[in-house]
PDB file of N, CA and C in Angstrom:
ATOM      1  N   UNK A   1      71.265 -36.526  40.777  1.00  0.00           N
ATOM      2  CA  UNK A   1      70.748 -36.260  39.255  1.00  0.00           C
ATOM      3  C   UNK A   1      69.831 -35.452  39.309  1.00  0.00           C
ATOM      4  N   UNK A   2      68.729 -35.120  40.169  1.00  0.00           N
ATOM      5  CA  UNK A   2      67.996 -34.248  40.215  1.00  0.00           C
ATOM      6  C   UNK A   2      68.491 -32.856  40.072  1.00  0.00           C
ATOM      7  N   UNK A   3      69.548 -32.645  40.802  1.00  0.00           N
ATOM      8  CA  UNK A   3      70.234 -31.144  40.602  1.00  0.00           C
ATOM      9  C   UNK A   3      70.729 -30.810  39.320  1.00  0.00           C
ATOM     10  N   UNK A   4      71.205 -31.882  38.429  1.00  0.00           N
ATOM     11  CA  UNK A   4      71.361 -31.897  36.979  1.00  0.00           C
ATOM     12  C   UNK A   4      70.214 -31.281  36.221  1.00  0.00           C
ATOM     13  N   UNK A   5      69.007 -31.945  36.601  1.00  0.00           N
ATOM     14  CA  UNK A   5      68.152 -31.660  35.634  1.00  0.00           C
ATOM     15  C   UNK A   5      67.455 -30.226  36.033  1.00  0.00           C
ATOM     16  N   UNK A   6      67.583 -29.938  37.183  1.00  0.00           N
ATOM     17  CA  UNK A   6      67.247 -28.620  37.623  1.00  0.00           C
ATOM     18  C   UNK A   6      67.942 -27.764  37.169  1.00  0.00           C
ATOM     19  N   UNK A   7      69.265 -27.844  36.997  1.00  0.00           N
ATOM     20  CA  UNK A   7      70.097 -27.041  36.484  1.00  0.00           C
ATOM     21  C   UNK A   7      69.847 -26.655  34.974  1.00  0.00           C
ATOM     22  N   UNK A   8      69.475 -27.833  34.215  1.00  0.00           N
ATOM     23  CA  UNK A   8      69.211 -27.777  32.872  1.00  0.00           C
ATOM     24  C   UNK A   8      68.067 -26.833  32.534  1.00  0.00           C
ATOM     25  N   UNK A   9      67.037 -27.181  33.436  1.00  0.00           N
ATOM     26  CA  UNK A   9      65.651 -26.449  33.456  1.00  0.00           C
ATOM     27  C   UNK A   9      66.045 -24.982  33.542  1.00  0.00           C
ATOM     28  N   UNK A  10      66.493 -24.724  34.614  1.00  0.00           N
ATOM     29  CA  UNK A  10      66.888 -23.318  34.934  1.00  0.00           C
ATOM     30  C   UNK A  10      67.659 -22.516  33.750  1.00  0.00           C
ATOM     31  N   UNK A  11      68.527 -23.404  33.335  1.00  0.00           N
ATOM     32  CA  UNK A  11      69.365 -22.637  32.035  1.00  0.00           C
ATOM     33  C   UNK A  11      68.493 -22.781  30.865  1.00  0.00           C
ATOM     34  N   UNK A  12      67.564 -23.389  30.572  1.00  0.00           N
ATOM     35  CA  UNK A  12      66.790 -23.112  29.502  1.00  0.00           C
ATOM     36  C   UNK A  12      65.693 -21.959  29.706  1.00  0.00           C
ATOM     37  N   UNK A  13      65.187 -21.781  31.183  1.00  0.00           N
ATOM     38  CA  UNK A  13      64.137 -20.718  31.313  1.00  0.00           C
ATOM     39  C   UNK A  13      65.096 -19.480  31.358  1.00  0.00           C
ATOM     40  N   UNK A  14      66.211 -19.557  31.866  1.00  0.00           N
ATOM     41  CA  UNK A  14      67.134 -18.108  31.665  1.00  0.00           C
ATOM     42  C   UNK A  14      67.219 -17.761  30.147  1.00  0.00           C
ATOM     43  N   UNK A  15      67.530 -18.723  29.361  1.00  0.00           N
ATOM     44  CA  UNK A  15      67.584 -18.629  28.016  1.00  0.00           C
ATOM     45  C   UNK A  15      66.450 -17.662  27.607  1.00  0.00           C
ATOM     46  N   UNK A  16      65.227 -18.392  27.711  1.00  0.00           N
ATOM     47  CA  UNK A  16      64.043 -17.739  27.107  1.00  0.00           C
ATOM     48  C   UNK A  16      63.509 -16.765  27.740  1.00  0.00           C
ATOM     49  N   UNK A  17      63.776 -16.396  29.050  1.00  0.00           N
ATOM     50  CA  UNK A  17      63.082 -15.132  29.455  1.00  0.00           C
ATOM     51  C   UNK A  17      64.211 -13.833  29.674  1.00  0.00           C
ATOM     52  N   UNK A  18      65.483 -14.105  30.122  1.00  0.00           N
ATOM     53  CA  UNK A  18      66.339 -13.074  30.451  1.00  0.00           C
ATOM     54  C   UNK A  18      67.223 -12.573  29.580  1.00  0.00           C
ATOM     55  N   UNK A  19      67.617 -13.539  28.420  1.00  0.00           N
ATOM     56  CA  UNK A  19      68.829 -13.191  27.413  1.00  0.00           C
ATOM     57  C   UNK A  19      68.117 -12.518  26.086  1.00  0.00           C
ATOM     58  N   UNK A  20      68.538 -11.585  25.834  1.00  0.00           N
ATOM     59  CA  UNK A  20      68.179 -10.588  24.630  1.00  0.00           C
ATOM     60  C   UNK A  20      68.697 -11.112  23.416  1.00  0.00           C
ATOM     61  N   UNK A  21      68.052 -11.518  22.457  1.00  0.00           N
ATOM     62  CA  UNK A  21      68.542 -12.234  21.410  1.00  0.00           C
ATOM     63  C   UNK A  21      68.618 -11.171  20.313  1.00  0.00           C
ATOM     64  N   UNK A  22      69.554 -11.187  19.625  1.00  0.00           N
ATOM     65  CA  UNK A  22      69.866 -10.115  18.405  1.00  0.00           C
ATOM     66  C   UNK A  22      68.467 -10.501  17.293  1.00  0.00           C
ATOM     67  N   UNK A  23      67.931  -9.426  16.725  1.00  0.00           N
ATOM     68  CA  UNK A  23      67.041  -9.603  15.892  1.00  0.00           C
ATOM     69  C   UNK A  23      67.457 -10.434  14.527  1.00  0.00           C
ATOM     70  N   UNK A  24      66.635 -11.254  13.932  1.00  0.00           N
ATOM     71  CA  UNK A  24      67.218 -12.196  12.861  1.00  0.00           C
ATOM     72  C   UNK A  24      68.046 -11.316  11.573  1.00  0.00           C
ATOM     73  N   UNK A  25      67.298 -10.213  11.038  1.00  0.00           N
ATOM     74  CA  UNK A  25      67.714  -9.380  10.056  1.00  0.00           C
ATOM     75  C   UNK A  25      69.370  -8.942  10.517  1.00  0.00           C
ATOM     76  N   UNK A  26      69.426  -8.231  11.583  1.00  0.00           N
ATOM     77  CA  UNK A  26      70.680  -7.962  12.194  1.00  0.00           C
ATOM     78  C   UNK A  26      71.573  -9.157  12.431  1.00  0.00           C
ATOM     79  N   UNK A  27      71.189 -10.170  12.713  1.00  0.00           N
ATOM     80  CA  UNK A  27      72.201 -11.482  12.812  1.00  0.00           C
ATOM     81  C   UNK A  27      72.403 -11.943  11.468  1.00  0.00           C
ATOM     82  N   UNK A  28      71.875 -11.744  10.518  1.00  0.00           N
ATOM     83  CA  UNK A  28      71.963 -12.209   9.044  1.00  0.00           C
ATOM     84  C   UNK A  28      73.135 -11.336   8.502  1.00  0.00           C
ATOM     85  N   UNK A  29      72.992 -10.060   8.532  1.00  0.00           N
ATOM     86  CA  UNK A  29      73.957  -8.960   8.177  1.00  0.00           C
ATOM     87  C   UNK A  29      75.124  -9.058   8.853  1.00  0.00           C
ATOM     88  N   UNK A  30      75.231  -9.601  10.243  1.00  0.00           N
ATOM     89  CA  UNK A  30      76.527  -9.647  11.233  1.00  0.00           C
ATOM     90  C   UNK A  30      77.137 -10.649  10.519  1.00  0.00           C
ATOM     91  N   UNK A  31      76.682 -12.000  10.217  1.00  0.00           N
ATOM     92  CA  UNK A  31      77.092 -13.008   9.825  1.00  0.00           C
ATOM     93  C   UNK A  31      77.863 -13.133   8.353  1.00  0.00           C
ATOM     94  N   UNK A  32      77.070 -12.208   7.685  1.00  0.00           N
ATOM     95  CA  UNK A  32      77.700 -11.888   6.336  1.00  0.00           C
ATOM     96  C   UNK A  32      79.151 -10.923   6.702  1.00  0.00           C
ATOM     97  N   UNK A  33      79.012  -9.987   7.318  1.00  0.00           N
ATOM     98  CA  UNK A  33      80.152  -9.188   7.523  1.00  0.00           C
ATOM     99  C   UNK A  33      81.390  -9.981   8.110  1.00  0.00           C
ATOM    100  N   UNK A  34      80.996 -11.093   9.090  1.00  0.00           N
ATOM    101  CA  UNK A  34      82.159 -11.981   9.473  1.00  0.00           C
ATOM    102  C   UNK A  34      82.666 -12.580   8.464  1.00  0.00           C
ATOM    103  N   UNK A  35      81.660 -13.243   7.543  1.00  0.00           N
ATOM    104  CA  UNK A  35      82.210 -14.249   6.565  1.00  0.00           C
ATOM    105  C   UNK A  35      82.996 -13.402   5.627  1.00  0.00           C
ATOM    106  N   UNK A  36      82.786 -12.420   5.454  1.00  0.00           N
ATOM    107  CA  UNK A  36      83.372 -11.511   4.369  1.00  0.00           C
ATOM    108  C   UNK A  36      85.047 -11.138   4.778  1.00  0.00           C
ATOM    109  N   UNK A  37      85.022 -10.612   6.033  1.00  0.00           N
ATOM    110  CA  UNK A  37      86.392 -10.455   6.779  1.00  0.00           C
ATOM    111  C   UNK A  37      87.036 -11.491   7.125  1.00  0.00           C
ATOM    112  N   UNK A  38      86.543 -12.924   7.074  1.00  0.00           N
ATOM    113  CA  UNK A  38      87.244 -14.246   7.218  1.00  0.00           C
ATOM    114  C   UNK A  38      87.855 -14.334   6.239  1.00  0.00           C
ATOM    115  N   UNK A  39      87.235 -14.391   4.991  1.00  0.00           N
ATOM    116  CA  UNK A  39      87.649 -14.740   3.569  1.00  0.00           C
ATOM    117  C   UNK A  39      88.799 -13.799   3.170  1.00  0.00           C
ATOM    118  N   UNK A  40      88.658 -12.219   3.474  1.00  0.00           N
ATOM    119  CA  UNK A  40      89.614 -11.323   3.173  1.00  0.00           C
ATOM    120  C   UNK A  40      90.793 -11.591   4.135  1.00  0.00           C
ATOM    121  N   UNK A  41      90.688 -11.773   5.591  1.00  0.00           N
ATOM    122  CA  UNK A  41      91.939 -12.345   6.205  1.00  0.00           C
ATOM    123  C   UNK A  41      92.696 -13.454   5.877  1.00  0.00           C
ATOM    124  N   UNK A  42      91.672 -14.676   5.491  1.00  0.00           N
ATOM    125  CA  UNK A  42      92.374 -15.763   5.073  1.00  0.00           C
ATOM    126  C   UNK A  42      93.221 -15.403   3.836  1.00  0.00           C
ATOM    127  N   UNK A  43      92.693 -14.621   2.832  1.00  0.00           N
ATOM    128  CA  UNK A  43      93.681 -14.483   1.711  1.00  0.00           C
ATOM    129  C   UNK A  43      94.862 -13.667   1.991  1.00  0.00           C
ATOM    130  N   UNK A  44      94.441 -12.852   2.891  1.00  0.00           N
ATOM    131  CA  UNK A  44      96.106 -12.035   3.258  1.00  0.00           C
ATOM    132  C   UNK A  44      96.731 -13.008   3.957  1.00  0.00           C
ATOM    133  N   UNK A  45      96.541 -14.056   4.689  1.00  0.00           N
ATOM    134  CA  UNK A  45      97.285 -14.908   5.197  1.00  0.00           C
ATOM    135  C   UNK A  45      97.971 -15.636   4.134  1.00  0.00           C
ATOM    136  N   UNK A  46      97.162 -16.288   3.333  1.00  0.00           N
ATOM    137  CA  UNK A  46      97.599 -17.014   2.277  1.00  0.00           C
ATOM    138  C   UNK A  46      98.821 -16.314   1.480  1.00  0.00           C
ATOM    139  N   UNK A  47      98.451 -14.965   0.898  1.00  0.00           N
ATOM    140  CA  UNK A  47      99.539 -14.119   0.633  1.00  0.00           C
ATOM    141  C   UNK A  47     100.697 -13.956   0.965  1.00  0.00           C
ATOM    142  N   UNK A  48     100.663 -13.749   2.301  1.00  0.00           N
ATOM    143  CA  UNK A  48     101.707 -13.526   3.085  1.00  0.00           C
ATOM    144  C   UNK A  48     102.545 -15.119   3.245  1.00  0.00           C
ATOM    145  N   UNK A  49     101.963 -15.756   3.315  1.00  0.00           N
ATOM    146  CA  UNK A  49     102.455 -17.606   3.423  1.00  0.00           C
ATOM    147  C   UNK A  49     103.187 -17.557   2.180  1.00  0.00           C
ATOM    148  N   UNK A  50     102.380 -17.239   1.098  1.00  0.00           N
ATOM    149  CA  UNK A  50     103.276 -17.501  -0.303  1.00  0.00           C
ATOM    150  C   UNK A  50     104.588 -16.550  -0.470  1.00  0.00           C
ATOM    151  N   UNK A  51     104.348 -15.311  -0.220  1.00  0.00           N
ATOM    152  CA  UNK A  51     105.490 -14.523  -0.462  1.00  0.00           C
ATOM    153  C   UNK A  51     106.736 -14.880   0.505  1.00  0.00           C
ATOM    154  N   UNK A  52     106.330 -15.276   1.976  1.00  0.00           N
ATOM    155  CA  UNK A  52     107.253 -15.729   2.649  1.00  0.00           C
ATOM    156  C   UNK A  52     108.051 -16.941   2.402  1.00  0.00           C
ATOM    157  N   UNK A  53     107.227 -17.794   1.485  1.00  0.00           N
ATOM    158  CA  UNK A  53     107.671 -19.129   1.427  1.00  0.00           C
ATOM    159  C   UNK A  53     108.612 -18.845   0.152  1.00  0.00           C
ATOM    160  N   UNK A  54     108.351 -18.160  -0.708  1.00  0.00           N
ATOM    161  CA  UNK A  54     109.112 -17.520  -2.051  1.00  0.00           C
ATOM    162  C   UNK A  54     110.642 -17.125  -1.235  1.00  0.00           C
ATOM    163  N   UNK A  55     110.465 -16.073  -0.402  1.00  0.00           N
ATOM    164  CA  UNK A  55     111.670 -15.603   0.166  1.00  0.00           C
ATOM    165  C   UNK A  55     112.546 -16.619   0.823  1.00  0.00           C
ATOM    166  N   UNK A  56     112.077 -17.424   1.611  1.00  0.00           N
ATOM    167  CA  UNK A  56     112.787 -18.521   2.334  1.00  0.00           C
ATOM    168  C   UNK A  56     113.492 -19.329   1.113  1.00  0.00           C
ATOM    169  N   UNK A  57     112.938 -19.708   0.113  1.00  0.00           N
ATOM    170  CA  UNK A  57     113.013 -20.560  -0.876  1.00  0.00           C
ATOM    171  C   UNK A  57     114.347 -19.887  -1.482  1.00  0.00           C
ATOM    172  N   UNK A  58     114.193 -18.712  -1.911  1.00  0.00           N
ATOM    173  CA  UNK A  58     115.217 -17.908  -2.499  1.00  0.00           C
ATOM    174  C   UNK A  58     116.285 -17.901  -1.654  1.00  0.00           C
ATOM    175  N   UNK A  59     116.428 -17.635  -0.304  1.00  0.00           N
ATOM    176  CA  UNK A  59     117.279 -17.707   0.457  1.00  0.00           C
ATOM    177  C   UNK A  59     118.148 -18.855   0.785  1.00  0.00           C
ATOM    178  N   UNK A  60     117.535 -20.006   0.498  1.00  0.00           N
ATOM    179  CA  UNK A  60     118.123 -21.335   0.699  1.00  0.00           C
ATOM    180  C   UNK A  60     118.821 -21.481  -0.797  1.00  0.00           C
ATOM    181  N   UNK A  61     118.393 -21.078  -1.745  1.00  0.00           N
ATOM    182  CA  UNK A  61     119.051 -21.380  -3.091  1.00  0.00           C
ATOM    183  C   UNK A  61     120.378 -20.570  -2.974  1.00  0.00           C
ATOM    184  N   UNK A  62     120.209 -19.535  -2.357  1.00  0.00           N
ATOM    185  CA  UNK A  62     121.487 -18.485  -2.412  1.00  0.00           C
ATOM    186  C   UNK A  62     122.598 -19.394  -1.479  1.00  0.00           C
ATOM    187  N   UNK A  63     122.210 -19.876  -0.437  1.00  0.00           N
ATOM    188  CA  UNK A  63     123.036 -20.271   0.464  1.00  0.00           C
ATOM    189  C   UNK A  63     123.661 -21.549  -0.108  1.00  0.00           C
ATOM    190  N   UNK A  64     122.903 -22.231  -0.713  1.00  0.00           N
ATOM    191  CA  UNK A  64     123.144 -23.825  -1.133  1.00  0.00           C
ATOM    192  C   UNK A  64     124.069 -23.422  -2.522  1.00  0.00           C
ATOM    193  N   UNK A  65     123.898 -22.369  -3.213  1.00  0.00           N
ATOM    194  CA  UNK A  65     124.965 -22.312  -4.441  1.00  0.00           C
ATOM    195  C   UNK A  65     123.954 -22.936  -5.370  1.00  0.00           C
TER     196      UNK A  65
END
């Protein structure tokens, strides 16, 4: 159990002292960029899904008469 506690303490110390964190303003800007692209990508996938659903539906209407 002592090894686990030492590992956790060392992990927090490394996070505190050795990790370079992104400045808050840049982090907020990057989050907005990721959100915008996520929305655009999800809309593109929704559009492709809608078009393909219509194409498949039309195809099945043709083969079923």
